C-alpha atoms as a PDB file:
ATOM      1  CA  UNK A   1      63.494  80.929 -47.565  1.00  0.00           C
ATOM      2  CA  UNK A   2      60.802  82.162 -49.951  1.00  0.00           C
ATOM      3  CA  UNK A   3      62.659  85.431 -50.272  1.00  0.00           C
ATOM      4  CA  UNK A   4      65.804  83.528 -51.167  1.00  0.00           C
ATOM      5  CA  UNK A   5      64.054  81.611 -53.925  1.00  0.00           C
ATOM      6  CA  UNK A   6      62.854  84.845 -55.474  1.00  0.00           C
ATOM      7  CA  UNK A   7      66.400  86.079 -55.758  1.00  0.00           C
ATOM      8  CA  UNK A   8      66.599  88.037 -52.530  1.00  0.00           C
ATOM      9  CA  UNK A   9      68.438  87.217 -49.353  1.00  0.00           C
ATOM     10  CA  UNK A  10      67.535  88.266 -45.828  1.00  0.00           C
ATOM     11  CA  UNK A  11      68.971  91.644 -44.976  1.00  0.00           C
ATOM     12  CA  UNK A  12      71.584  91.818 -42.267  1.00  0.00           C
ATOM     13  CA  UNK A  13      73.945  94.323 -40.785  1.00  0.00           C
ATOM     14  CA  UNK A  14      77.259  94.480 -42.558  1.00  0.00           C
ATOM     15  CA  UNK A  15      79.931  92.571 -40.698  1.00  0.00           C
ATOM     16  CA  UNK A  16      83.554  91.823 -41.441  1.00  0.00           C
ATOM     17  CA  UNK A  17      83.511  88.615 -39.398  1.00  0.00           C
ATOM     18  CA  UNK A  18      81.289  85.560 -39.707  1.00  0.00           C
ATOM     19  CA  UNK A  19      79.632  83.949 -36.733  1.00  0.00           C
ATOM     20  CA  UNK A  20      79.916  80.250 -35.932  1.00  0.00           C
ATOM     21  CA  UNK A  21      82.502  78.291 -37.885  1.00  0.00           C
ATOM     22  CA  UNK A  22      85.930  79.904 -37.631  1.00  0.00           C
ATOM     23  CA  UNK A  23      88.475  80.116 -40.396  1.00  0.00           C
ATOM     24  CA  UNK A  24      91.371  77.699 -40.012  1.00  0.00           C
ATOM     25  CA  UNK A  25      94.885  77.543 -41.432  1.00  0.00           C
ATOM     26  CA  UNK A  26      95.105  75.645 -44.707  1.00  0.00           C
ATOM     27  CA  UNK A  27      97.621  73.099 -45.949  1.00  0.00           C
ATOM     28  CA  UNK A  28     100.174  74.071 -48.580  1.00  0.00           C
ATOM     29  CA  UNK A  29      98.749  71.826 -51.310  1.00  0.00           C
ATOM     30  CA  UNK A  30      95.792  73.273 -53.195  1.00  0.00           C
ATOM     31  CA  UNK A  31      96.113  76.449 -51.154  1.00  0.00           C
ATOM     32  CA  UNK A  32      93.870  78.671 -53.273  1.00  0.00           C
ATOM     33  CA  UNK A  33      91.225  75.948 -53.657  1.00  0.00           C
ATOM     34  CA  UNK A  34      91.105  75.359 -49.907  1.00  0.00           C
ATOM     35  CA  UNK A  35      90.696  79.074 -49.287  1.00  0.00           C
ATOM     36  CA  UNK A  36      87.855  79.121 -51.821  1.00  0.00           C
ATOM     37  CA  UNK A  37      86.177  76.172 -50.101  1.00  0.00           C
ATOM     38  CA  UNK A  38      86.278  77.834 -46.699  1.00  0.00           C
ATOM     39  CA  UNK A  39      85.087  81.259 -47.792  1.00  0.00           C
ATOM     40  CA  UNK A  40      82.472  79.831 -50.160  1.00  0.00           C
ATOM     41  CA  UNK A  41      80.997  77.770 -47.342  1.00  0.00           C
ATOM     42  CA  UNK A  42      80.846  80.772 -45.034  1.00  0.00           C
ATOM     43  CA  UNK A  43      79.109  82.830 -47.712  1.00  0.00           C
ATOM     44  CA  UNK A  44      76.615  80.145 -48.700  1.00  0.00           C
ATOM     45  CA  UNK A  45      75.687  79.446 -45.084  1.00  0.00           C
ATOM     46  CA  UNK A  46      75.070  83.129 -44.440  1.00  0.00           C
ATOM     47  CA  UNK A  47      77.972  83.677 -42.063  1.00  0.00           C
ATOM     48  CA  UNK A  48      79.138  86.352 -44.464  1.00  0.00           C
ATOM     49  CA  UNK A  49      76.016  88.275 -45.537  1.00  0.00           C
ATOM     50  CA  UNK A  50      75.451  90.213 -48.774  1.00  0.00           C
ATOM     51  CA  UNK A  51      77.173  93.563 -48.518  1.00  0.00           C
ATOM     52  CA  UNK A  52      79.588  92.384 -45.837  1.00  0.00           C
ATOM     53  CA  UNK A  53      83.170  93.475 -46.333  1.00  0.00           C
ATOM     54  CA  UNK A  54      85.723  90.720 -45.912  1.00  0.00           C
ATOM     55  CA  UNK A  55      88.545  91.123 -43.457  1.00  0.00           C
ATOM     56  CA  UNK A  56      91.462  93.077 -45.017  1.00  0.00           C
ATOM     57  CA  UNK A  57      93.774  90.905 -47.086  1.00  0.00           C
ATOM     58  CA  UNK A  58      96.757  91.111 -44.768  1.00  0.00           C
ATOM     59  CA  UNK A  59      94.754  90.015 -41.721  1.00  0.00           C
ATOM     60  CA  UNK A  60      92.793  87.374 -43.624  1.00  0.00           C
ATOM     61  CA  UNK A  61      95.983  85.879 -45.067  1.00  0.00           C
ATOM     62  CA  UNK A  62      97.502  85.735 -41.587  1.00  0.00           C
ATOM     63  CA  UNK A  63      94.405  84.022 -40.162  1.00  0.00           C
ATOM     64  CA  UNK A  64      94.454  81.411 -42.922  1.00  0.00           C
ATOM     65  CA  UNK A  65      98.207  80.949 -42.741  1.00  0.00           C
ATOM     66  CA  UNK A  66      98.730  81.687 -46.437  1.00  0.00           C
ATOM     67  CA  UNK A  67     100.505  84.277 -48.520  1.00  0.00           C
ATOM     68  CA  UNK A  68      98.584  87.140 -50.076  1.00  0.00           C
ATOM     69  CA  UNK A  69      99.187  85.883 -53.612  1.00  0.00           C
ATOM     70  CA  UNK A  70      97.287  82.659 -52.844  1.00  0.00           C
ATOM     71  CA  UNK A  71      94.549  84.635 -51.132  1.00  0.00           C
ATOM     72  CA  UNK A  72      94.145  86.951 -54.116  1.00  0.00           C
ATOM     73  CA  UNK A  73      93.934  83.951 -56.444  1.00  0.00           C
ATOM     74  CA  UNK A  74      91.168  82.508 -54.268  1.00  0.00           C
ATOM     75  CA  UNK A  75      89.268  85.797 -54.158  1.00  0.00           C
ATOM     76  CA  UNK A  76      89.391  86.007 -57.944  1.00  0.00           C
ATOM     77  CA  UNK A  77      87.840  82.537 -58.139  1.00  0.00           C
ATOM     78  CA  UNK A  78      85.095  83.594 -55.736  1.00  0.00           C
ATOM     79  CA  UNK A  79      84.467  86.685 -57.835  1.00  0.00           C
ATOM     80  CA  UNK A  80      84.187  84.504 -60.941  1.00  0.00           C
ATOM     81  CA  UNK A  81      81.534  82.458 -59.128  1.00  0.00           C
ATOM     82  CA  UNK A  82      79.600  85.633 -58.403  1.00  0.00           C
ATOM     83  CA  UNK A  83      80.080  85.376 -54.647  1.00  0.00           C
ATOM     84  CA  UNK A  84      82.179  88.480 -54.053  1.00  0.00           C
ATOM     85  CA  UNK A  85      83.025  91.778 -55.723  1.00  0.00           C
ATOM     86  CA  UNK A  86      86.589  93.107 -55.596  1.00  0.00           C
ATOM     87  CA  UNK A  87      87.018  96.859 -55.881  1.00  0.00           C
ATOM     88  CA  UNK A  88      90.247  98.780 -55.504  1.00  0.00           C
ATOM     89  CA  UNK A  89      89.948 101.103 -52.557  1.00  0.00           C
ATOM     90  CA  UNK A  90      86.872  99.323 -51.202  1.00  0.00           C
ATOM     91  CA  UNK A  91      88.215  95.839 -50.621  1.00  0.00           C
ATOM     92  CA  UNK A  92      86.178  92.696 -51.170  1.00  0.00           C
ATOM     93  CA  UNK A  93      82.448  92.615 -50.484  1.00  0.00           C
ATOM     94  CA  UNK A  94      80.043  89.696 -50.489  1.00  0.00           C
ATOM     95  CA  UNK A  95      77.507  89.694 -53.315  1.00  0.00           C
ATOM     96  CA  UNK A  96      73.878  88.602 -53.279  1.00  0.00           C
ATOM     97  CA  UNK A  97      74.699  85.431 -55.166  1.00  0.00           C
ATOM     98  CA  UNK A  98      71.062  84.786 -56.065  1.00  0.00           C
ATOM     99  CA  UNK A  99      71.417  87.816 -58.333  1.00  0.00           C
ATOM    100  CA  UNK A 100      75.027  87.457 -59.474  1.00  0.00           C
ATOM    101  CA  UNK A 101      75.981  83.755 -59.575  1.00  0.00           C
ATOM    102  CA  UNK A 102      75.420  81.243 -62.362  1.00  0.00           C
ATOM    103  CA  UNK A 103      74.089  77.712 -62.648  1.00  0.00           C
ATOM    104  CA  UNK A 104      77.457  76.243 -61.629  1.00  0.00           C
ATOM    105  CA  UNK A 105      76.751  77.318 -58.046  1.00  0.00           C
ATOM    106  CA  UNK A 106      74.048  74.659 -57.708  1.00  0.00           C
ATOM    107  CA  UNK A 107      76.624  71.953 -56.996  1.00  0.00           C
ATOM    108  CA  UNK A 108      77.817  73.895 -53.975  1.00  0.00           C
ATOM    109  CA  UNK A 109      74.319  74.590 -52.655  1.00  0.00           C
ATOM    110  CA  UNK A 110      73.202  70.956 -52.687  1.00  0.00           C
ATOM    111  CA  UNK A 111      75.246  69.972 -49.589  1.00  0.00           C
ATOM    112  CA  UNK A 112      73.253  72.570 -47.643  1.00  0.00           C
ATOM    113  CA  UNK A 113      69.885  71.248 -48.831  1.00  0.00           C
ATOM    114  CA  UNK A 114      68.962  70.009 -45.376  1.00  0.00           C
ATOM    115  CA  UNK A 115      69.815  73.313 -43.703  1.00  0.00           C
ATOM    116  CA  UNK A 116      69.879  76.662 -45.447  1.00  0.00           C
ATOM    117  CA  UNK A 117      68.427  75.662 -48.821  1.00  0.00           C
ATOM    118  CA  UNK A 118      65.786  72.973 -48.256  1.00  0.00           C
ATOM    119  CA  UNK A 119      64.143  73.557 -51.645  1.00  0.00           C
ATOM    120  CA  UNK A 120      67.288  73.321 -53.773  1.00  0.00           C
ATOM    121  CA  UNK A 121      66.763  69.633 -54.609  1.00  0.00           C
ATOM    122  CA  UNK A 122      63.158  70.288 -55.563  1.00  0.00           C
ATOM    123  CA  UNK A 123      64.270  73.203 -57.742  1.00  0.00           C
ATOM    124  CA  UNK A 124      67.010  71.126 -59.386  1.00  0.00           C
ATOM    125  CA  UNK A 125      64.613  68.290 -60.195  1.00  0.00           C
ATOM    126  CA  UNK A 126      62.060  70.717 -61.573  1.00  0.00           C
ATOM    127  CA  UNK A 127      64.679  72.355 -63.806  1.00  0.00           C
ATOM    128  CA  UNK A 128      65.844  68.936 -64.951  1.00  0.00           C
ATOM    129  CA  UNK A 129      62.308  68.014 -65.977  1.00  0.00           C
ATOM    130  CA  UNK A 130      61.618  71.276 -67.804  1.00  0.00           C
ATOM    131  CA  UNK A 131      64.844  71.158 -69.811  1.00  0.00           C
ATOM    132  CA  UNK A 132      64.479  67.460 -70.601  1.00  0.00           C
ATOM    133  CA  UNK A 133      60.945  67.989 -71.945  1.00  0.00           C
ATOM    134  CA  UNK A 134      62.076  70.542 -74.506  1.00  0.00           C
ATOM    135  CA  UNK A 135      65.187  68.558 -75.391  1.00  0.00           C
ATOM    136  CA  UNK A 136      62.966  65.569 -76.146  1.00  0.00           C
ATOM    137  CA  UNK A 137      60.640  67.696 -78.261  1.00  0.00           C
ATOM    138  CA  UNK A 138      63.511  69.049 -80.353  1.00  0.00           C
ATOM    139  CA  UNK A 139      65.251  65.684 -80.621  1.00  0.00           C
ATOM    140  CA  UNK A 140      62.099  64.061 -81.990  1.00  0.00           C
ATOM    141  CA  UNK A 141      61.957  66.669 -84.730  1.00  0.00           C
ATOM    142  CA  UNK A 142      65.666  66.913 -85.551  1.00  0.00           C
ATOM    143  CA  UNK A 143      67.319  63.543 -84.860  1.00  0.00           C
ATOM    144  CA  UNK A 144      69.342  61.836 -87.568  1.00  0.00           C
ATOM    145  CA  UNK A 145      70.483  58.271 -88.117  1.00  0.00           C
ATOM    146  CA  UNK A 146      73.641  58.701 -86.031  1.00  0.00           C
ATOM    147  CA  UNK A 147      71.632  60.073 -83.110  1.00  0.00           C
ATOM    148  CA  UNK A 148      69.277  57.107 -83.209  1.00  0.00           C
ATOM    149  CA  UNK A 149      72.129  54.628 -83.329  1.00  0.00           C
ATOM    150  CA  UNK A 150      73.777  56.254 -80.324  1.00  0.00           C
ATOM    151  CA  UNK A 151      70.524  56.203 -78.329  1.00  0.00           C
ATOM    152  CA  UNK A 152      69.890  52.565 -79.272  1.00  0.00           C
ATOM    153  CA  UNK A 153      73.405  51.624 -78.168  1.00  0.00           C
ATOM    154  CA  UNK A 154      72.917  53.179 -74.739  1.00  0.00           C
ATOM    155  CA  UNK A 155      69.492  51.556 -74.373  1.00  0.00           C
ATOM    156  CA  UNK A 156      71.039  48.150 -75.176  1.00  0.00           C
ATOM    157  CA  UNK A 157      73.704  48.585 -72.502  1.00  0.00           C
ATOM    158  CA  UNK A 158      71.012  49.575 -70.001  1.00  0.00           C
ATOM    159  CA  UNK A 159      69.268  46.230 -70.500  1.00  0.00           C
ATOM    160  CA  UNK A 160      71.811  44.493 -68.251  1.00  0.00           C
ATOM    161  CA  UNK A 161      73.087  47.379 -66.109  1.00  0.00           C
ATOM    162  CA  UNK A 162      72.083  47.978 -62.496  1.00  0.00           C
ATOM    163  CA  UNK A 163      72.873  50.428 -59.704  1.00  0.00           C
ATOM    164  CA  UNK A 164      75.349  53.204 -60.407  1.00  0.00           C
ATOM    165  CA  UNK A 165      76.081  51.862 -63.895  1.00  0.00           C
ATOM    166  CA  UNK A 166      72.417  52.141 -64.827  1.00  0.00           C
ATOM    167  CA  UNK A 167      72.220  55.660 -63.419  1.00  0.00           C
ATOM    168  CA  UNK A 168      75.227  56.672 -65.533  1.00  0.00           C
ATOM    169  CA  UNK A 169      73.662  55.160 -68.645  1.00  0.00           C
ATOM    170  CA  UNK A 170      70.434  57.019 -67.976  1.00  0.00           C
ATOM    171  CA  UNK A 171      72.486  60.195 -67.722  1.00  0.00           C
ATOM    172  CA  UNK A 172      74.324  59.298 -70.954  1.00  0.00           C
ATOM    173  CA  UNK A 173      70.998  58.664 -72.683  1.00  0.00           C
ATOM    174  CA  UNK A 174      69.902  62.234 -71.948  1.00  0.00           C
ATOM    175  CA  UNK A 175      73.265  63.626 -73.038  1.00  0.00           C
ATOM    176  CA  UNK A 176      72.772  61.830 -76.356  1.00  0.00           C
ATOM    177  CA  UNK A 177      69.219  63.122 -76.537  1.00  0.00           C
ATOM    178  CA  UNK A 178      70.546  66.660 -76.014  1.00  0.00           C
ATOM    179  CA  UNK A 179      72.973  66.197 -78.900  1.00  0.00           C
ATOM    180  CA  UNK A 180      70.062  65.029 -81.046  1.00  0.00           C
ATOM    181  CA  UNK A 181      68.161  68.246 -80.267  1.00  0.00           C
ATOM    182  CA  UNK A 182      70.744  70.147 -82.361  1.00  0.00           C
ATOM    183  CA  UNK A 183      70.495  73.194 -80.087  1.00  0.00           C
ATOM    184  CA  UNK A 184      73.976  74.483 -79.306  1.00  0.00           C
ATOM    185  CA  UNK A 185      72.918  76.701 -76.418  1.00  0.00           C
ATOM    186  CA  UNK A 186      71.070  73.879 -74.693  1.00  0.00           C
ATOM    187  CA  UNK A 187      74.096  71.670 -75.284  1.00  0.00           C
ATOM    188  CA  UNK A 188      76.386  74.213 -73.649  1.00  0.00           C
ATOM    189  CA  UNK A 189      73.962  74.571 -70.739  1.00  0.00           C
ATOM    190  CA  UNK A 190      74.014  70.832 -70.196  1.00  0.00           C
ATOM    191  CA  UNK A 191      77.819  70.854 -70.350  1.00  0.00           C
ATOM    192  CA  UNK A 192      77.842  73.557 -67.699  1.00  0.00           C
ATOM    193  CA  UNK A 193      75.651  71.647 -65.282  1.00  0.00           C
ATOM    194  CA  UNK A 194      77.025  68.177 -66.068  1.00  0.00           C
ATOM    195  CA  UNK A 195      79.634  68.262 -63.333  1.00  0.00           C
ATOM    196  CA  UNK A 196      77.096  69.681 -60.905  1.00  0.00           C
ATOM    197  CA  UNK A 197      74.653  66.880 -61.633  1.00  0.00           C
ATOM    198  CA  UNK A 198      77.312  64.208 -61.327  1.00  0.00           C
ATOM    199  CA  UNK A 199      78.567  65.698 -58.057  1.00  0.00           C
ATOM    200  CA  UNK A 200      75.318  64.682 -56.384  1.00  0.00           C
ATOM    201  CA  UNK A 201      74.882  61.458 -58.315  1.00  0.00           C
ATOM    202  CA  UNK A 202      74.452  59.451 -55.076  1.00  0.00           C
ATOM    203  CA  UNK A 203      71.296  61.443 -54.440  1.00  0.00           C
ATOM    204  CA  UNK A 204      69.932  61.483 -57.992  1.00  0.00           C
ATOM    205  CA  UNK A 205      70.554  57.744 -58.279  1.00  0.00           C
ATOM    206  CA  UNK A 206      67.439  57.412 -56.123  1.00  0.00           C
ATOM    207  CA  UNK A 207      65.443  59.103 -58.883  1.00  0.00           C
ATOM    208  CA  UNK A 208      65.853  55.952 -60.947  1.00  0.00           C
ATOM    209  CA  UNK A 209      62.930  54.202 -59.297  1.00  0.00           C
ATOM    210  CA  UNK A 210      63.781  50.720 -60.585  1.00  0.00           C
ATOM    211  CA  UNK A 211      65.830  49.205 -63.419  1.00  0.00           C
ATOM    212  CA  UNK A 212      62.645  48.076 -65.163  1.00  0.00           C
ATOM    213  CA  UNK A 213      61.232  51.610 -65.145  1.00  0.00           C
ATOM    214  CA  UNK A 214      64.452  53.079 -66.556  1.00  0.00           C
ATOM    215  CA  UNK A 215      64.667  50.522 -69.352  1.00  0.00           C
ATOM    216  CA  UNK A 216      60.991  50.895 -70.276  1.00  0.00           C
ATOM    217  CA  UNK A 217      61.417  54.656 -70.372  1.00  0.00           C
ATOM    218  CA  UNK A 218      64.392  54.460 -72.714  1.00  0.00           C
ATOM    219  CA  UNK A 219      62.446  52.265 -75.125  1.00  0.00           C
ATOM    220  CA  UNK A 220      59.340  54.479 -75.014  1.00  0.00           C
ATOM    221  CA  UNK A 221      61.289  57.672 -75.551  1.00  0.00           C
ATOM    222  CA  UNK A 222      63.481  56.127 -78.230  1.00  0.00           C
ATOM    223  CA  UNK A 223      60.388  54.959 -80.126  1.00  0.00           C
ATOM    224  CA  UNK A 224      58.863  58.446 -79.986  1.00  0.00           C
ATOM    225  CA  UNK A 225      62.086  60.070 -81.200  1.00  0.00           C
ATOM    226  CA  UNK A 226      62.520  57.452 -83.926  1.00  0.00           C
ATOM    227  CA  UNK A 227      58.939  57.993 -85.157  1.00  0.00           C
ATOM    228  CA  UNK A 228      59.345  61.777 -84.898  1.00  0.00           C
ATOM    229  CA  UNK A 229      56.436  62.221 -82.497  1.00  0.00           C
ATOM    230  CA  UNK A 230      57.442  65.245 -80.393  1.00  0.00           C
ATOM    231  CA  UNK A 231      54.381  65.266 -78.132  1.00  0.00           C
ATOM    232  CA  UNK A 232      54.789  61.602 -77.274  1.00  0.00           C
ATOM    233  CA  UNK A 233      58.465  62.239 -76.514  1.00  0.00           C
ATOM    234  CA  UNK A 234      57.470  65.065 -74.167  1.00  0.00           C
ATOM    235  CA  UNK A 235      54.870  62.863 -72.481  1.00  0.00           C
ATOM    236  CA  UNK A 236      57.441  60.109 -71.961  1.00  0.00           C
ATOM    237  CA  UNK A 237      59.830  62.541 -70.275  1.00  0.00           C
ATOM    238  CA  UNK A 238      57.087  64.119 -68.180  1.00  0.00           C
ATOM    239  CA  UNK A 239      55.907  60.775 -66.821  1.00  0.00           C
ATOM    240  CA  UNK A 240      59.423  59.545 -66.081  1.00  0.00           C
ATOM    241  CA  UNK A 241      60.808  62.714 -64.543  1.00  0.00           C
ATOM    242  CA  UNK A 242      57.706  63.338 -62.438  1.00  0.00           C
ATOM    243  CA  UNK A 243      57.698  59.803 -61.115  1.00  0.00           C
ATOM    244  CA  UNK A 244      61.380  59.957 -60.260  1.00  0.00           C
ATOM    245  CA  UNK A 245      61.148  63.383 -58.615  1.00  0.00           C
ATOM    246  CA  UNK A 246      58.137  62.364 -56.523  1.00  0.00           C
ATOM    247  CA  UNK A 247      60.075  59.321 -55.388  1.00  0.00           C
ATOM    248  CA  UNK A 248      63.206  61.159 -54.260  1.00  0.00           C
ATOM    249  CA  UNK A 249      61.280  64.044 -52.670  1.00  0.00           C
ATOM    250  CA  UNK A 250      59.177  61.592 -50.693  1.00  0.00           C
ATOM    251  CA  UNK A 251      62.380  60.022 -49.391  1.00  0.00           C
ATOM    252  CA  UNK A 252      63.728  63.433 -48.410  1.00  0.00           C
ATOM    253  CA  UNK A 253      60.467  64.472 -46.720  1.00  0.00           C
ATOM    254  CA  UNK A 254      60.408  61.252 -44.724  1.00  0.00           C
ATOM    255  CA  UNK A 255      63.986  61.762 -43.566  1.00  0.00           C
ATOM    256  CA  UNK A 256      65.091  58.571 -45.298  1.00  0.00           C
ATOM    257  CA  UNK A 257      67.419  60.394 -47.673  1.00  0.00           C
ATOM    258  CA  UNK A 258      69.767  63.324 -47.113  1.00  0.00           C
ATOM    259  CA  UNK A 259      71.707  65.460 -49.549  1.00  0.00           C
ATOM    260  CA  UNK A 260      75.259  64.346 -50.180  1.00  0.00           C
END
């Protein structure tokens, strides 16, 4: 696993067929997406190893019960994700996705957190904390009146929200904070991972330790941003994110919480 986290995957002999889970025919609706789901799962679980050459298109299409046009569309999507490389004359080979894929792949790795990628939740929470710290620092220095009003509005709604609604408002609060940072690249990064984060919302909802903690955090952070105190804003994020991450990781370590 350590090798995987450093961007390398265990070496394996090149094979054109995965072991374990077999491919199955797909339904006509969402044909290309279903093909992507099957092949992506086989790649992420290591049943197709880096360097492995996929079964020739004609045979693979027959196994899946699809036409070659749908299969090619699916392979293009997998290539866009950085999971395979398509080369004329060489066919389709599996890539080392730790070297070729982007942040959008996180959402597909999370379901395997309890098997092949046990540290992915820890990594995601750590990344969340690091980005949020710098967003808070920038927001405290660059916020304007509209930013403050938006943050105050979300904090007011959070005063009476609970459960999933409170989790969503906490998420919205950090989206607004990102906008206040006035950093376009960070904003685009957050847009990229937004769907990934929301896809495992049932898990991250446990990061919100209690409604009282969430509400107190919003008020503390809002005050620091309003007063333009970057270091206090960073401290507020650090305390909140660390507390939440420790909480959810303790649940995972105890077996009380699984990835969804």
